[in-house]
Protein backbone atom coordinates (compact mmCIF):
# COMPACT_ATOMS: atom_id res chain seq x y z
CA UNK A 1 84.88 90.05 111.20
CA UNK A 2 84.70 92.44 113.77
CA UNK A 3 87.47 95.84 113.55
CA UNK A 4 88.72 94.28 116.21
CA UNK A 5 89.69 91.11 114.87
CA UNK A 6 90.72 93.15 111.66
CA UNK A 7 93.21 95.29 113.21
CA UNK A 8 94.68 92.00 115.06
CA UNK A 9 95.13 90.30 111.75
CA UNK A 10 96.89 93.26 110.25
CA UNK A 11 99.14 94.14 113.47
CA UNK A 12 99.42 90.68 115.68
CA UNK A 13 98.06 88.07 113.02
CA UNK A 14 97.89 84.72 115.55
CA UNK A 15 96.62 86.78 118.02
CA UNK A 16 93.49 87.38 115.75
CA UNK A 17 93.52 83.51 114.76
CA UNK A 18 93.55 82.80 118.78
CA UNK A 19 90.71 85.10 119.59
CA UNK A 20 88.42 83.26 116.72
CA UNK A 21 89.85 80.04 116.96
CA UNK A 22 91.65 79.35 120.17
CA UNK A 23 94.79 77.06 120.14
CA UNK A 24 94.07 75.09 117.33
CA UNK A 25 95.96 74.23 114.08
CA UNK A 26 95.54 77.14 112.35
CA UNK A 27 96.63 79.08 115.05
CA UNK A 28 99.74 77.12 115.37
CA UNK A 29 100.40 77.28 111.29
CA UNK A 30 99.75 81.32 111.68
CA UNK A 31 102.33 81.40 114.21
CA UNK A 32 105.10 79.35 112.13
CA UNK A 33 104.18 81.76 108.89
CA UNK A 34 104.10 84.89 110.88
CA UNK A 35 107.61 84.00 112.62
CA UNK A 36 109.00 83.21 108.76
CA UNK A 37 107.31 86.21 107.35
CA UNK A 38 104.77 88.83 108.16
CA UNK A 39 103.16 88.90 105.03
CA UNK A 40 102.28 85.17 104.61
CA UNK A 41 100.81 85.16 108.49
CA UNK A 42 98.81 88.43 107.83
CA UNK A 43 97.22 86.35 104.47
CA UNK A 44 96.55 83.10 106.26
CA UNK A 45 94.89 85.37 109.16
CA UNK A 46 92.35 86.61 106.69
CA UNK A 47 91.71 83.66 105.09
CA UNK A 48 90.93 81.97 108.55
CA UNK A 49 88.44 84.94 110.08
CA UNK A 50 86.76 85.03 106.83
CA UNK A 51 86.39 81.05 106.54
CA UNK A 52 82.77 80.15 108.00
């Protein structure tokens, strides 16, 4: 995980996921979670960025 991905995962979670995974299911889930509440979006972004 790069510094840029960490910063994006904190401030704009869907963008961090988009850079790592592209437009996939993970991106859409993260976008929905971020709309529903920022904290779930951040947690999901870190989960996606740290899993291999």
